[in-house]
């Protein structure tokens, strides 16, 4: 049974306040964040994900309703008390180029030091432990300006960890990272939720990665508020497909990707197994000319057999009894384009 939420939004309205009046972009939001869970906030661009993140973290005021941290409203918490509860990682650029990594992470200790900010033995230990948890122990003595984008993101997460807060809230933590670094950062955040019992909430725009890593997805839909559920529930309900599809590009609930738009494809009888056959099918789908179908006898058909050799892969193409072997998938695809032109002529 789930425990009490560490953060709770009740009838929340978010947006922007100005002299001309409030601009509410979403209202009537009821949300709960639990320890030990990684929650991904997803939705179309411009729906208000960053605004919601900043409001839940107390950086931006609630326009309606309230946000509770434990039993207290977030805006009734003193800044130090809030910092002990919430570690925040935003997309804003950090102007600390001359600082060492250790110094940047040590800034996260401010809720625990005295007014002079002097670090004691426990603070030093907390900084090094935070760096170790994100796999950045070897970066401690380097300057922030010397780091890659992926390394910088690890440092920012370590700084939030050094606060020893119950929850970590992040806005687009994988922006500007290559795929491998995105996966690395998401694995770190999932480990923090599962192994350190942190509540982790992050806004993310990579839908396939959200579906892969999240324990719970908050799907933010324009004009409809937020629908919460496991990734699988939201895919099976059709809500993910509805939200992230257009007439030109349809999200595929089976693969979790956007397949190439298909043309009037020609059946191609494919035989093979394992990754070579799987990626051959993907290549055919991407080309949109031939569609791989179950192997059967068809004298006029186009056949491809994928053969996994010890150190290589071969593709044996058969058309009307004539066979040709290719050792390159690229060359096979080029040849199939010629064949399709002839068949459609």
C-alpha atoms as a PDB file:
ATOM      1  CA  UNK A   1       0.000   0.000   0.000  1.00  0.00           C
ATOM      2  CA  UNK A   2       1.338   3.441  -0.929  1.00  0.00           C
ATOM      3  CA  UNK A   3       2.289   5.743   1.917  1.00  0.00           C
ATOM      4  CA  UNK A   4       1.422   9.388   2.299  1.00  0.00           C
ATOM      5  CA  UNK A   5       2.473  11.461  -0.719  1.00  0.00           C
ATOM      6  CA  UNK A   6       5.515  13.688  -0.270  1.00  0.00           C
ATOM      7  CA  UNK A   7       3.905  16.233  -2.584  1.00  0.00           C
ATOM      8  CA  UNK A   8       0.248  16.786  -3.390  1.00  0.00           C
ATOM      9  CA  UNK A   9      -1.506  19.261  -5.692  1.00  0.00           C
ATOM     10  CA  UNK A  10      -5.152  19.999  -4.927  1.00  0.00           C
ATOM     11  CA  UNK A  11      -7.402  21.745  -7.463  1.00  0.00           C
ATOM     12  CA  UNK A  12      -4.260  23.402  -8.803  1.00  0.00           C
ATOM     13  CA  UNK A  13      -4.361  26.165 -11.389  1.00  0.00           C
ATOM     14  CA  UNK A  14      -1.100  27.099 -13.142  1.00  0.00           C
ATOM     15  CA  UNK A  15      -0.104  29.945 -15.406  1.00  0.00           C
ATOM     16  CA  UNK A  16       1.199  33.482 -15.191  1.00  0.00           C
ATOM     17  CA  UNK A  17       0.201  36.458 -13.080  1.00  0.00           C
ATOM     18  CA  UNK A  18       0.436  39.997 -14.444  1.00  0.00           C
ATOM     19  CA  UNK A  19      -0.966  43.457 -13.812  1.00  0.00           C
ATOM     20  CA  UNK A  20      -3.596  42.781 -16.467  1.00  0.00           C
ATOM     21  CA  UNK A  21      -4.764  39.660 -14.644  1.00  0.00           C
ATOM     22  CA  UNK A  22      -3.929  35.993 -14.411  1.00  0.00           C
ATOM     23  CA  UNK A  23      -3.376  33.850 -17.479  1.00  0.00           C
ATOM     24  CA  UNK A  24      -4.393  30.351 -16.431  1.00  0.00           C
ATOM     25  CA  UNK A  25      -3.113  27.641 -18.773  1.00  0.00           C
ATOM     26  CA  UNK A  26      -4.448  24.649 -16.810  1.00  0.00           C
ATOM     27  CA  UNK A  27      -6.693  24.260 -13.786  1.00  0.00           C
ATOM     28  CA  UNK A  28      -8.331  21.653 -11.538  1.00  0.00           C
ATOM     29  CA  UNK A  29      -5.154  19.542 -11.375  1.00  0.00           C
ATOM     30  CA  UNK A  30      -5.066  16.916  -8.608  1.00  0.00           C
ATOM     31  CA  UNK A  31      -1.709  15.136  -8.373  1.00  0.00           C
ATOM     32  CA  UNK A  32       0.299  13.033  -5.929  1.00  0.00           C
ATOM     33  CA  UNK A  33       4.004  12.233  -5.837  1.00  0.00           C
ATOM     34  CA  UNK A  34       5.150   9.185  -3.863  1.00  0.00           C
ATOM     35  CA  UNK A  35       8.574   8.105  -2.607  1.00  0.00           C
ATOM     36  CA  UNK A  36      10.267   5.328  -4.543  1.00  0.00           C
ATOM     37  CA  UNK A  37       8.682   6.234  -7.881  1.00  0.00           C
ATOM     38  CA  UNK A  38      10.011   7.793 -11.065  1.00  0.00           C
ATOM     39  CA  UNK A  39       7.271   9.909 -12.645  1.00  0.00           C
ATOM     40  CA  UNK A  40       7.567  11.303 -16.170  1.00  0.00           C
ATOM     41  CA  UNK A  41       5.510  14.352 -17.125  1.00  0.00           C
ATOM     42  CA  UNK A  42       4.844  14.270 -20.880  1.00  0.00           C
ATOM     43  CA  UNK A  43       2.704  16.274 -23.256  1.00  0.00           C
ATOM     44  CA  UNK A  44       2.789  18.336 -26.458  1.00  0.00           C
ATOM     45  CA  UNK A  45       5.080  21.354 -26.665  1.00  0.00           C
ATOM     46  CA  UNK A  46       3.528  24.443 -25.122  1.00  0.00           C
ATOM     47  CA  UNK A  47       1.009  22.583 -22.965  1.00  0.00           C
ATOM     48  CA  UNK A  48       2.605  23.889 -19.763  1.00  0.00           C
ATOM     49  CA  UNK A  49       4.988  21.170 -18.547  1.00  0.00           C
ATOM     50  CA  UNK A  50       7.710  23.576 -17.416  1.00  0.00           C
ATOM     51  CA  UNK A  51       5.145  25.847 -15.776  1.00  0.00           C
ATOM     52  CA  UNK A  52       3.752  22.900 -13.830  1.00  0.00           C
ATOM     53  CA  UNK A  53       7.225  21.747 -12.764  1.00  0.00           C
ATOM     54  CA  UNK A  54       8.131  25.208 -11.526  1.00  0.00           C
ATOM     55  CA  UNK A  55       4.810  25.577  -9.704  1.00  0.00           C
ATOM     56  CA  UNK A  56       5.121  22.208  -7.971  1.00  0.00           C
ATOM     57  CA  UNK A  57       8.663  23.124  -6.910  1.00  0.00           C
ATOM     58  CA  UNK A  58       7.520  26.457  -5.467  1.00  0.00           C
ATOM     59  CA  UNK A  59       9.478  28.581  -7.953  1.00  0.00           C
ATOM     60  CA  UNK A  60       6.267  29.919  -9.489  1.00  0.00           C
ATOM     61  CA  UNK A  61       3.095  30.788  -7.525  1.00  0.00           C
ATOM     62  CA  UNK A  62      -0.115  28.776  -7.729  1.00  0.00           C
ATOM     63  CA  UNK A  63      -2.873  30.751  -9.418  1.00  0.00           C
ATOM     64  CA  UNK A  64      -5.571  28.506  -7.949  1.00  0.00           C
ATOM     65  CA  UNK A  65      -5.651  25.669  -5.422  1.00  0.00           C
ATOM     66  CA  UNK A  66      -2.561  24.646  -3.514  1.00  0.00           C
ATOM     67  CA  UNK A  67       0.546  22.456  -3.421  1.00  0.00           C
ATOM     68  CA  UNK A  68       1.230  20.566  -0.202  1.00  0.00           C
ATOM     69  CA  UNK A  69       4.621  19.276   0.869  1.00  0.00           C
ATOM     70  CA  UNK A  70       3.715  16.871   3.623  1.00  0.00           C
ATOM     71  CA  UNK A  71       1.021  18.760   5.530  1.00  0.00           C
ATOM     72  CA  UNK A  72       2.243  22.287   4.706  1.00  0.00           C
ATOM     73  CA  UNK A  73       1.485  24.502   1.731  1.00  0.00           C
ATOM     74  CA  UNK A  74       4.659  24.947  -0.275  1.00  0.00           C
ATOM     75  CA  UNK A  75       4.553  28.753  -0.142  1.00  0.00           C
ATOM     76  CA  UNK A  76       4.328  28.654   3.647  1.00  0.00           C
ATOM     77  CA  UNK A  77       7.684  26.868   3.849  1.00  0.00           C
ATOM     78  CA  UNK A  78      10.794  28.891   4.596  1.00  0.00           C
ATOM     79  CA  UNK A  79      13.378  28.701   1.817  1.00  0.00           C
ATOM     80  CA  UNK A  80      15.724  26.463   3.820  1.00  0.00           C
ATOM     81  CA  UNK A  81      12.907  24.124   4.799  1.00  0.00           C
ATOM     82  CA  UNK A  82      11.791  23.898   1.176  1.00  0.00           C
ATOM     83  CA  UNK A  83      15.351  23.135   0.099  1.00  0.00           C
ATOM     84  CA  UNK A  84      15.458  20.244   2.568  1.00  0.00           C
ATOM     85  CA  UNK A  85      12.335  18.838   0.933  1.00  0.00           C
ATOM     86  CA  UNK A  86      12.891  19.483  -2.787  1.00  0.00           C
ATOM     87  CA  UNK A  87      16.005  19.183  -4.947  1.00  0.00           C
ATOM     88  CA  UNK A  88      15.396  21.094  -8.172  1.00  0.00           C
ATOM     89  CA  UNK A  89      17.162  20.789 -11.545  1.00  0.00           C
ATOM     90  CA  UNK A  90      15.951  23.298 -14.144  1.00  0.00           C
ATOM     91  CA  UNK A  91      17.019  23.921 -17.726  1.00  0.00           C
ATOM     92  CA  UNK A  92      18.291  27.414 -16.884  1.00  0.00           C
ATOM     93  CA  UNK A  93      21.984  27.836 -17.681  1.00  0.00           C
ATOM     94  CA  UNK A  94      24.265  27.794 -14.676  1.00  0.00           C
ATOM     95  CA  UNK A  95      26.827  30.633 -14.512  1.00  0.00           C
ATOM     96  CA  UNK A  96      29.517  28.911 -12.457  1.00  0.00           C
ATOM     97  CA  UNK A  97      32.179  28.257 -15.061  1.00  0.00           C
ATOM     98  CA  UNK A  98      35.085  29.026 -12.725  1.00  0.00           C
ATOM     99  CA  UNK A  99      33.849  26.662 -10.016  1.00  0.00           C
ATOM    100  CA  UNK A 100      35.120  23.158  -9.508  1.00  0.00           C
ATOM    101  CA  UNK A 101      32.624  20.297  -9.681  1.00  0.00           C
ATOM    102  CA  UNK A 102      33.044  19.734  -5.945  1.00  0.00           C
ATOM    103  CA  UNK A 103      32.203  23.400  -5.258  1.00  0.00           C
ATOM    104  CA  UNK A 104      29.081  23.263  -7.452  1.00  0.00           C
ATOM    105  CA  UNK A 105      27.764  20.136  -5.745  1.00  0.00           C
ATOM    106  CA  UNK A 106      28.690  21.602  -2.338  1.00  0.00           C
ATOM    107  CA  UNK A 107      26.213  24.441  -3.011  1.00  0.00           C
ATOM    108  CA  UNK A 108      23.529  21.834  -2.450  1.00  0.00           C
ATOM    109  CA  UNK A 109      24.583  21.640   1.191  1.00  0.00           C
ATOM    110  CA  UNK A 110      23.362  25.160   1.996  1.00  0.00           C
ATOM    111  CA  UNK A 111      20.204  23.966   3.813  1.00  0.00           C
ATOM    112  CA  UNK A 112      22.427  22.060   6.247  1.00  0.00           C
ATOM    113  CA  UNK A 113      25.251  24.530   6.950  1.00  0.00           C
ATOM    114  CA  UNK A 114      25.331  27.581   9.202  1.00  0.00           C
ATOM    115  CA  UNK A 115      25.020  31.154   7.952  1.00  0.00           C
ATOM    116  CA  UNK A 116      28.716  31.197   7.019  1.00  0.00           C
ATOM    117  CA  UNK A 117      28.308  28.221   4.661  1.00  0.00           C
ATOM    118  CA  UNK A 118      31.346  26.429   6.075  1.00  0.00           C
ATOM    119  CA  UNK A 119      31.416  22.722   5.241  1.00  0.00           C
ATOM    120  CA  UNK A 120      32.191  20.223   7.972  1.00  0.00           C
ATOM    121  CA  UNK A 121      33.239  16.596   7.641  1.00  0.00           C
ATOM    122  CA  UNK A 122      29.651  15.398   7.151  1.00  0.00           C
ATOM    123  CA  UNK A 123      29.076  17.945   4.366  1.00  0.00           C
ATOM    124  CA  UNK A 124      32.221  16.846   2.519  1.00  0.00           C
ATOM    125  CA  UNK A 125      31.092  13.230   2.800  1.00  0.00           C
ATOM    126  CA  UNK A 126      27.617  14.106   1.466  1.00  0.00           C
ATOM    127  CA  UNK A 127      29.132  15.846  -1.592  1.00  0.00           C
ATOM    128  CA  UNK A 128      31.364  12.892  -2.460  1.00  0.00           C
ATOM    129  CA  UNK A 129      28.509  10.440  -1.900  1.00  0.00           C
ATOM    130  CA  UNK A 130      26.268  12.448  -4.242  1.00  0.00           C
ATOM    131  CA  UNK A 131      28.964  12.411  -6.923  1.00  0.00           C
ATOM    132  CA  UNK A 132      29.407   8.680  -6.472  1.00  0.00           C
ATOM    133  CA  UNK A 133      25.667   8.024  -6.814  1.00  0.00           C
ATOM    134  CA  UNK A 134      25.577   9.721 -10.233  1.00  0.00           C
ATOM    135  CA  UNK A 135      28.803   8.089 -11.416  1.00  0.00           C
ATOM    136  CA  UNK A 136      30.804  11.328 -11.382  1.00  0.00           C
ATOM    137  CA  UNK A 137      33.281  10.659  -8.579  1.00  0.00           C
ATOM    138  CA  UNK A 138      36.202  11.203 -10.959  1.00  0.00           C
ATOM    139  CA  UNK A 139      34.949  14.692 -11.926  1.00  0.00           C
ATOM    140  CA  UNK A 140      35.185  16.252  -8.473  1.00  0.00           C
ATOM    141  CA  UNK A 141      38.395  18.224  -9.012  1.00  0.00           C
ATOM    142  CA  UNK A 142      37.633  19.379 -12.553  1.00  0.00           C
ATOM    143  CA  UNK A 143      36.202  22.759 -13.526  1.00  0.00           C
ATOM    144  CA  UNK A 144      32.574  22.921 -14.606  1.00  0.00           C
ATOM    145  CA  UNK A 145      33.696  24.636 -17.826  1.00  0.00           C
ATOM    146  CA  UNK A 146      35.688  21.526 -18.785  1.00  0.00           C
ATOM    147  CA  UNK A 147      32.712  19.174 -18.761  1.00  0.00           C
ATOM    148  CA  UNK A 148      30.523  17.806 -21.525  1.00  0.00           C
ATOM    149  CA  UNK A 149      26.758  18.378 -21.458  1.00  0.00           C
ATOM    150  CA  UNK A 150      26.189  14.886 -20.087  1.00  0.00           C
ATOM    151  CA  UNK A 151      28.752  15.367 -17.330  1.00  0.00           C
ATOM    152  CA  UNK A 152      27.254  18.738 -16.407  1.00  0.00           C
ATOM    153  CA  UNK A 153      23.815  17.166 -16.057  1.00  0.00           C
ATOM    154  CA  UNK A 154      25.222  14.550 -13.699  1.00  0.00           C
ATOM    155  CA  UNK A 155      26.742  17.347 -11.606  1.00  0.00           C
ATOM    156  CA  UNK A 156      23.435  19.226 -11.414  1.00  0.00           C
ATOM    157  CA  UNK A 157      21.678  16.055 -10.281  1.00  0.00           C
ATOM    158  CA  UNK A 158      24.437  15.472  -7.717  1.00  0.00           C
ATOM    159  CA  UNK A 159      23.933  19.011  -6.395  1.00  0.00           C
ATOM    160  CA  UNK A 160      20.227  18.260  -5.876  1.00  0.00           C
ATOM    161  CA  UNK A 161      21.151  14.985  -4.172  1.00  0.00           C
ATOM    162  CA  UNK A 162      23.553  16.755  -1.827  1.00  0.00           C
ATOM    163  CA  UNK A 163      20.549  18.617  -0.430  1.00  0.00           C
ATOM    164  CA  UNK A 164      19.354  15.271   0.971  1.00  0.00           C
ATOM    165  CA  UNK A 165      15.818  16.177  -0.048  1.00  0.00           C
ATOM    166  CA  UNK A 166      12.907  13.744  -0.131  1.00  0.00           C
ATOM    167  CA  UNK A 167      12.153  14.486  -3.755  1.00  0.00           C
ATOM    168  CA  UNK A 168      13.958  15.607  -6.902  1.00  0.00           C
ATOM    169  CA  UNK A 169      12.108  17.600  -9.566  1.00  0.00           C
ATOM    170  CA  UNK A 170      13.712  18.062 -12.990  1.00  0.00           C
ATOM    171  CA  UNK A 171      12.742  19.950 -16.122  1.00  0.00           C
ATOM    172  CA  UNK A 172      13.922  18.230 -19.327  1.00  0.00           C
ATOM    173  CA  UNK A 173      17.066  16.674 -17.776  1.00  0.00           C
ATOM    174  CA  UNK A 174      18.050  14.950 -21.032  1.00  0.00           C
ATOM    175  CA  UNK A 175      17.920  18.010 -23.305  1.00  0.00           C
ATOM    176  CA  UNK A 176      20.998  18.409 -25.535  1.00  0.00           C
ATOM    177  CA  UNK A 177      22.329  14.952 -24.619  1.00  0.00           C
ATOM    178  CA  UNK A 178      23.088  12.181 -27.101  1.00  0.00           C
ATOM    179  CA  UNK A 179      21.073   8.969 -26.827  1.00  0.00           C
ATOM    180  CA  UNK A 180      23.609   7.068 -24.723  1.00  0.00           C
ATOM    181  CA  UNK A 181      23.881   9.943 -22.206  1.00  0.00           C
ATOM    182  CA  UNK A 182      20.079  10.260 -22.087  1.00  0.00           C
ATOM    183  CA  UNK A 183      19.795   6.588 -21.132  1.00  0.00           C
ATOM    184  CA  UNK A 184      22.615   6.971 -18.614  1.00  0.00           C
ATOM    185  CA  UNK A 185      20.914   9.916 -16.883  1.00  0.00           C
ATOM    186  CA  UNK A 186      17.527   8.168 -16.837  1.00  0.00           C
ATOM    187  CA  UNK A 187      19.075   5.042 -15.334  1.00  0.00           C
ATOM    188  CA  UNK A 188      20.625   7.217 -12.607  1.00  0.00           C
ATOM    189  CA  UNK A 189      17.267   8.827 -11.831  1.00  0.00           C
ATOM    190  CA  UNK A 190      15.482   5.485 -11.740  1.00  0.00           C
ATOM    191  CA  UNK A 191      18.130   4.130  -9.363  1.00  0.00           C
ATOM    192  CA  UNK A 192      17.645   7.155  -7.106  1.00  0.00           C
ATOM    193  CA  UNK A 193      13.910   6.425  -6.949  1.00  0.00           C
ATOM    194  CA  UNK A 194      14.191   2.672  -6.485  1.00  0.00           C
ATOM    195  CA  UNK A 195      17.351   2.341  -4.403  1.00  0.00           C
ATOM    196  CA  UNK A 196      17.440   5.648  -2.486  1.00  0.00           C
ATOM    197  CA  UNK A 197      13.628   5.809  -2.070  1.00  0.00           C
ATOM    198  CA  UNK A 198      13.462   9.304  -3.561  1.00  0.00           C
ATOM    199  CA  UNK A 199      10.376  10.691  -5.237  1.00  0.00           C
ATOM    200  CA  UNK A 200      11.553  11.732  -8.709  1.00  0.00           C
ATOM    201  CA  UNK A 201       9.458  13.848 -11.081  1.00  0.00           C
ATOM    202  CA  UNK A 202      10.771  14.974 -14.438  1.00  0.00           C
ATOM    203  CA  UNK A 203       9.306  16.658 -17.475  1.00  0.00           C
ATOM    204  CA  UNK A 204      10.489  14.798 -20.561  1.00  0.00           C
ATOM    205  CA  UNK A 205       9.815  15.232 -24.269  1.00  0.00           C
ATOM    206  CA  UNK A 206      11.220  11.878 -25.441  1.00  0.00           C
ATOM    207  CA  UNK A 207       8.068   9.730 -25.400  1.00  0.00           C
ATOM    208  CA  UNK A 208       9.720   6.338 -26.105  1.00  0.00           C
ATOM    209  CA  UNK A 209      12.185   6.889 -23.245  1.00  0.00           C
ATOM    210  CA  UNK A 210       9.380   7.972 -20.915  1.00  0.00           C
ATOM    211  CA  UNK A 211       7.493   4.774 -21.672  1.00  0.00           C
ATOM    212  CA  UNK A 212      10.638   2.735 -21.084  1.00  0.00           C
ATOM    213  CA  UNK A 213      11.756   4.214 -17.752  1.00  0.00           C
ATOM    214  CA  UNK A 214       8.755   5.689 -15.917  1.00  0.00           C
ATOM    215  CA  UNK A 215       6.921   3.952 -13.088  1.00  0.00           C
ATOM    216  CA  UNK A 216       4.094   6.408 -13.656  1.00  0.00           C
ATOM    217  CA  UNK A 217       3.363   8.797 -16.507  1.00  0.00           C
ATOM    218  CA  UNK A 218       1.533  12.094 -16.093  1.00  0.00           C
ATOM    219  CA  UNK A 219       0.045  12.753 -19.523  1.00  0.00           C
ATOM    220  CA  UNK A 220      -0.652  16.492 -19.876  1.00  0.00           C
ATOM    221  CA  UNK A 221      -3.275  17.023 -22.570  1.00  0.00           C
ATOM    222  CA  UNK A 222      -4.331  20.491 -23.776  1.00  0.00           C
ATOM    223  CA  UNK A 223      -7.652  21.465 -22.256  1.00  0.00           C
ATOM    224  CA  UNK A 224      -8.000  18.154 -20.412  1.00  0.00           C
ATOM    225  CA  UNK A 225      -5.522  18.407 -17.552  1.00  0.00           C
ATOM    226  CA  UNK A 226      -3.416  15.415 -16.542  1.00  0.00           C
ATOM    227  CA  UNK A 227      -4.144  11.722 -16.869  1.00  0.00           C
ATOM    228  CA  UNK A 228      -1.922   9.557 -14.639  1.00  0.00           C
ATOM    229  CA  UNK A 229      -1.196   5.896 -15.258  1.00  0.00           C
ATOM    230  CA  UNK A 230       1.510   3.364 -15.967  1.00  0.00           C
ATOM    231  CA  UNK A 231       3.099   3.662 -19.423  1.00  0.00           C
ATOM    232  CA  UNK A 232       1.374   0.444 -20.466  1.00  0.00           C
ATOM    233  CA  UNK A 233      -2.072   1.616 -19.327  1.00  0.00           C
ATOM    234  CA  UNK A 234      -1.800   4.884 -21.236  1.00  0.00           C
ATOM    235  CA  UNK A 235      -0.635   3.133 -24.402  1.00  0.00           C
ATOM    236  CA  UNK A 236      -3.348   0.453 -24.210  1.00  0.00           C
ATOM    237  CA  UNK A 237      -6.060   3.069 -23.566  1.00  0.00           C
ATOM    238  CA  UNK A 238      -5.093   4.827 -26.798  1.00  0.00           C
ATOM    239  CA  UNK A 239      -4.361   8.128 -25.022  1.00  0.00           C
ATOM    240  CA  UNK A 240      -0.660   8.170 -25.937  1.00  0.00           C
ATOM    241  CA  UNK A 241      -1.489   7.499 -29.590  1.00  0.00           C
ATOM    242  CA  UNK A 242      -4.182  10.221 -29.589  1.00  0.00           C
ATOM    243  CA  UNK A 243      -1.897  12.796 -27.976  1.00  0.00           C
ATOM    244  CA  UNK A 244       1.231  12.222 -30.012  1.00  0.00           C
ATOM    245  CA  UNK A 245      -0.156  11.477 -33.469  1.00  0.00           C
ATOM    246  CA  UNK A 246      -1.126  13.627 -36.416  1.00  0.00           C
ATOM    247  CA  UNK A 247      -2.652  12.806 -39.823  1.00  0.00           C
ATOM    248  CA  UNK A 248       0.873  12.616 -41.230  1.00  0.00           C
ATOM    249  CA  UNK A 249       2.661  10.830 -38.371  1.00  0.00           C
ATOM    250  CA  UNK A 250       1.036   8.131 -36.248  1.00  0.00           C
ATOM    251  CA  UNK A 251       2.608   6.848 -33.042  1.00  0.00           C
ATOM    252  CA  UNK A 252       2.852   3.044 -33.200  1.00  0.00           C
ATOM    253  CA  UNK A 253       1.801   1.462 -29.859  1.00  0.00           C
ATOM    254  CA  UNK A 254       3.577  -1.804 -30.733  1.00  0.00           C
ATOM    255  CA  UNK A 255       7.046  -0.408 -31.357  1.00  0.00           C
ATOM    256  CA  UNK A 256       6.749   2.824 -29.359  1.00  0.00           C
ATOM    257  CA  UNK A 257       8.060   4.766 -32.358  1.00  0.00           C
ATOM    258  CA  UNK A 258       6.896   6.707 -35.416  1.00  0.00           C
ATOM    259  CA  UNK A 259       7.228   4.314 -38.387  1.00  0.00           C
ATOM    260  CA  UNK A 260       7.940   5.699 -41.822  1.00  0.00           C
ATOM    261  CA  UNK A 261       4.746   6.536 -43.659  1.00  0.00           C
ATOM    262  CA  UNK A 262       3.852   3.482 -45.710  1.00  0.00           C
ATOM    263  CA  UNK A 263       3.117   3.545 -49.433  1.00  0.00           C
ATOM    264  CA  UNK A 264       1.280   0.828 -51.387  1.00  0.00           C
ATOM    265  CA  UNK A 265       3.801  -1.843 -50.470  1.00  0.00           C
ATOM    266  CA  UNK A 266       4.523  -5.110 -52.297  1.00  0.00           C
ATOM    267  CA  UNK A 267       4.509  -8.395 -50.345  1.00  0.00           C
ATOM    268  CA  UNK A 268       7.983  -9.809 -49.715  1.00  0.00           C
ATOM    269  CA  UNK A 269       8.375 -13.313 -48.301  1.00  0.00           C
ATOM    270  CA  UNK A 270      11.018 -13.191 -45.585  1.00  0.00           C
ATOM    271  CA  UNK A 271      12.745 -16.066 -43.802  1.00  0.00           C
ATOM    272  CA  UNK A 272      15.187 -15.635 -40.929  1.00  0.00           C
ATOM    273  CA  UNK A 273      15.432 -15.160 -37.191  1.00  0.00           C
ATOM    274  CA  UNK A 274      17.082 -13.040 -34.514  1.00  0.00           C
ATOM    275  CA  UNK A 275      18.359  -9.477 -34.842  1.00  0.00           C
ATOM    276  CA  UNK A 276      19.408  -9.798 -38.537  1.00  0.00           C
ATOM    277  CA  UNK A 277      15.833 -10.664 -39.583  1.00  0.00           C
ATOM    278  CA  UNK A 278      14.314  -8.084 -37.210  1.00  0.00           C
ATOM    279  CA  UNK A 279      16.448  -5.263 -38.586  1.00  0.00           C
ATOM    280  CA  UNK A 280      15.829  -6.386 -42.145  1.00  0.00           C
ATOM    281  CA  UNK A 281      12.101  -5.977 -41.479  1.00  0.00           C
ATOM    282  CA  UNK A 282      12.765  -2.522 -40.021  1.00  0.00           C
ATOM    283  CA  UNK A 283      14.746  -1.565 -43.117  1.00  0.00           C
ATOM    284  CA  UNK A 284      11.897  -2.699 -45.380  1.00  0.00           C
ATOM    285  CA  UNK A 285       9.376  -0.733 -43.298  1.00  0.00           C
ATOM    286  CA  UNK A 286      11.562   2.355 -43.512  1.00  0.00           C
ATOM    287  CA  UNK A 287      11.749   2.073 -47.308  1.00  0.00           C
ATOM    288  CA  UNK A 288       7.963   1.630 -47.475  1.00  0.00           C
ATOM    289  CA  UNK A 289       8.167  -0.323 -50.758  1.00  0.00           C
ATOM    290  CA  UNK A 290       8.042  -3.960 -49.660  1.00  0.00           C
ATOM    291  CA  UNK A 291       6.164  -5.395 -46.703  1.00  0.00           C
ATOM    292  CA  UNK A 292       7.601  -8.514 -45.053  1.00  0.00           C
ATOM    293  CA  UNK A 293       5.005 -11.306 -44.901  1.00  0.00           C
ATOM    294  CA  UNK A 294       4.958 -14.955 -43.844  1.00  0.00           C
ATOM    295  CA  UNK A 295       6.941 -17.315 -46.093  1.00  0.00           C
ATOM    296  CA  UNK A 296       4.837 -19.383 -48.547  1.00  0.00           C
ATOM    297  CA  UNK A 297       5.080 -20.776 -52.061  1.00  0.00           C
ATOM    298  CA  UNK A 298       4.432 -18.116 -54.679  1.00  0.00           C
ATOM    299  CA  UNK A 299       6.179 -18.639 -58.049  1.00  0.00           C
ATOM    300  CA  UNK A 300       5.857 -14.954 -58.924  1.00  0.00           C
ATOM    301  CA  UNK A 301       6.824 -13.690 -55.475  1.00  0.00           C
ATOM    302  CA  UNK A 302       9.881 -11.883 -54.131  1.00  0.00           C
ATOM    303  CA  UNK A 303      11.781 -13.845 -51.456  1.00  0.00           C
ATOM    304  CA  UNK A 304      14.578 -12.871 -49.076  1.00  0.00           C
ATOM    305  CA  UNK A 305      16.305 -15.334 -46.759  1.00  0.00           C
ATOM    306  CA  UNK A 306      18.482 -13.819 -44.031  1.00  0.00           C
ATOM    307  CA  UNK A 307      21.429 -16.064 -43.144  1.00  0.00           C
ATOM    308  CA  UNK A 308      23.569 -15.478 -40.049  1.00  0.00           C
ATOM    309  CA  UNK A 309      27.103 -16.719 -40.769  1.00  0.00           C
ATOM    310  CA  UNK A 310      29.908 -16.982 -38.208  1.00  0.00           C
ATOM    311  CA  UNK A 311      31.365 -13.558 -38.947  1.00  0.00           C
ATOM    312  CA  UNK A 312      28.885 -12.074 -41.399  1.00  0.00           C
ATOM    313  CA  UNK A 313      25.288 -11.828 -42.576  1.00  0.00           C
ATOM    314  CA  UNK A 314      24.018 -12.734 -46.035  1.00  0.00           C
ATOM    315  CA  UNK A 315      20.748 -11.893 -47.750  1.00  0.00           C
ATOM    316  CA  UNK A 316      19.647 -14.329 -50.466  1.00  0.00           C
ATOM    317  CA  UNK A 317      17.177 -12.718 -52.859  1.00  0.00           C
ATOM    318  CA  UNK A 318      15.004 -14.921 -55.064  1.00  0.00           C
ATOM    319  CA  UNK A 319      12.814 -13.507 -57.833  1.00  0.00           C
ATOM    320  CA  UNK A 320      11.063 -15.890 -60.221  1.00  0.00           C
ATOM    321  CA  UNK A 321      13.579 -18.633 -59.427  1.00  0.00           C
ATOM    322  CA  UNK A 322      16.664 -16.472 -59.962  1.00  0.00           C
ATOM    323  CA  UNK A 323      18.847 -16.057 -56.875  1.00  0.00           C
ATOM    324  CA  UNK A 324      21.360 -13.399 -55.909  1.00  0.00           C
ATOM    325  CA  UNK A 325      23.320 -13.111 -52.664  1.00  0.00           C
ATOM    326  CA  UNK A 326      24.130  -9.797 -50.960  1.00  0.00           C
ATOM    327  CA  UNK A 327      26.538  -9.202 -48.080  1.00  0.00           C
ATOM    328  CA  UNK A 328      25.290  -5.637 -47.582  1.00  0.00           C
ATOM    329  CA  UNK A 329      21.733  -4.709 -46.576  1.00  0.00           C
ATOM    330  CA  UNK A 330      22.239  -1.372 -48.291  1.00  0.00           C
ATOM    331  CA  UNK A 331      22.940  -3.089 -51.627  1.00  0.00           C
ATOM    332  CA  UNK A 332      19.934  -5.389 -51.153  1.00  0.00           C
ATOM    333  CA  UNK A 333      17.653  -2.385 -50.594  1.00  0.00           C
ATOM    334  CA  UNK A 334      19.002  -0.646 -53.706  1.00  0.00           C
ATOM    335  CA  UNK A 335      18.314  -3.766 -55.746  1.00  0.00           C
ATOM    336  CA  UNK A 336      14.812  -4.089 -54.308  1.00  0.00           C
ATOM    337  CA  UNK A 337      14.041  -0.527 -55.403  1.00  0.00           C
ATOM    338  CA  UNK A 338      14.902  -1.507 -58.993  1.00  0.00           C
ATOM    339  CA  UNK A 339      12.715  -4.597 -58.727  1.00  0.00           C
ATOM    340  CA  UNK A 340       9.779  -2.595 -57.352  1.00  0.00           C
ATOM    341  CA  UNK A 341      10.047  -0.127 -60.240  1.00  0.00           C
ATOM    342  CA  UNK A 342       9.899  -3.009 -62.713  1.00  0.00           C
ATOM    343  CA  UNK A 343       6.946  -4.647 -60.950  1.00  0.00           C
ATOM    344  CA  UNK A 344       4.988  -1.383 -60.848  1.00  0.00           C
ATOM    345  CA  UNK A 345       5.814  -0.416 -64.450  1.00  0.00           C
END
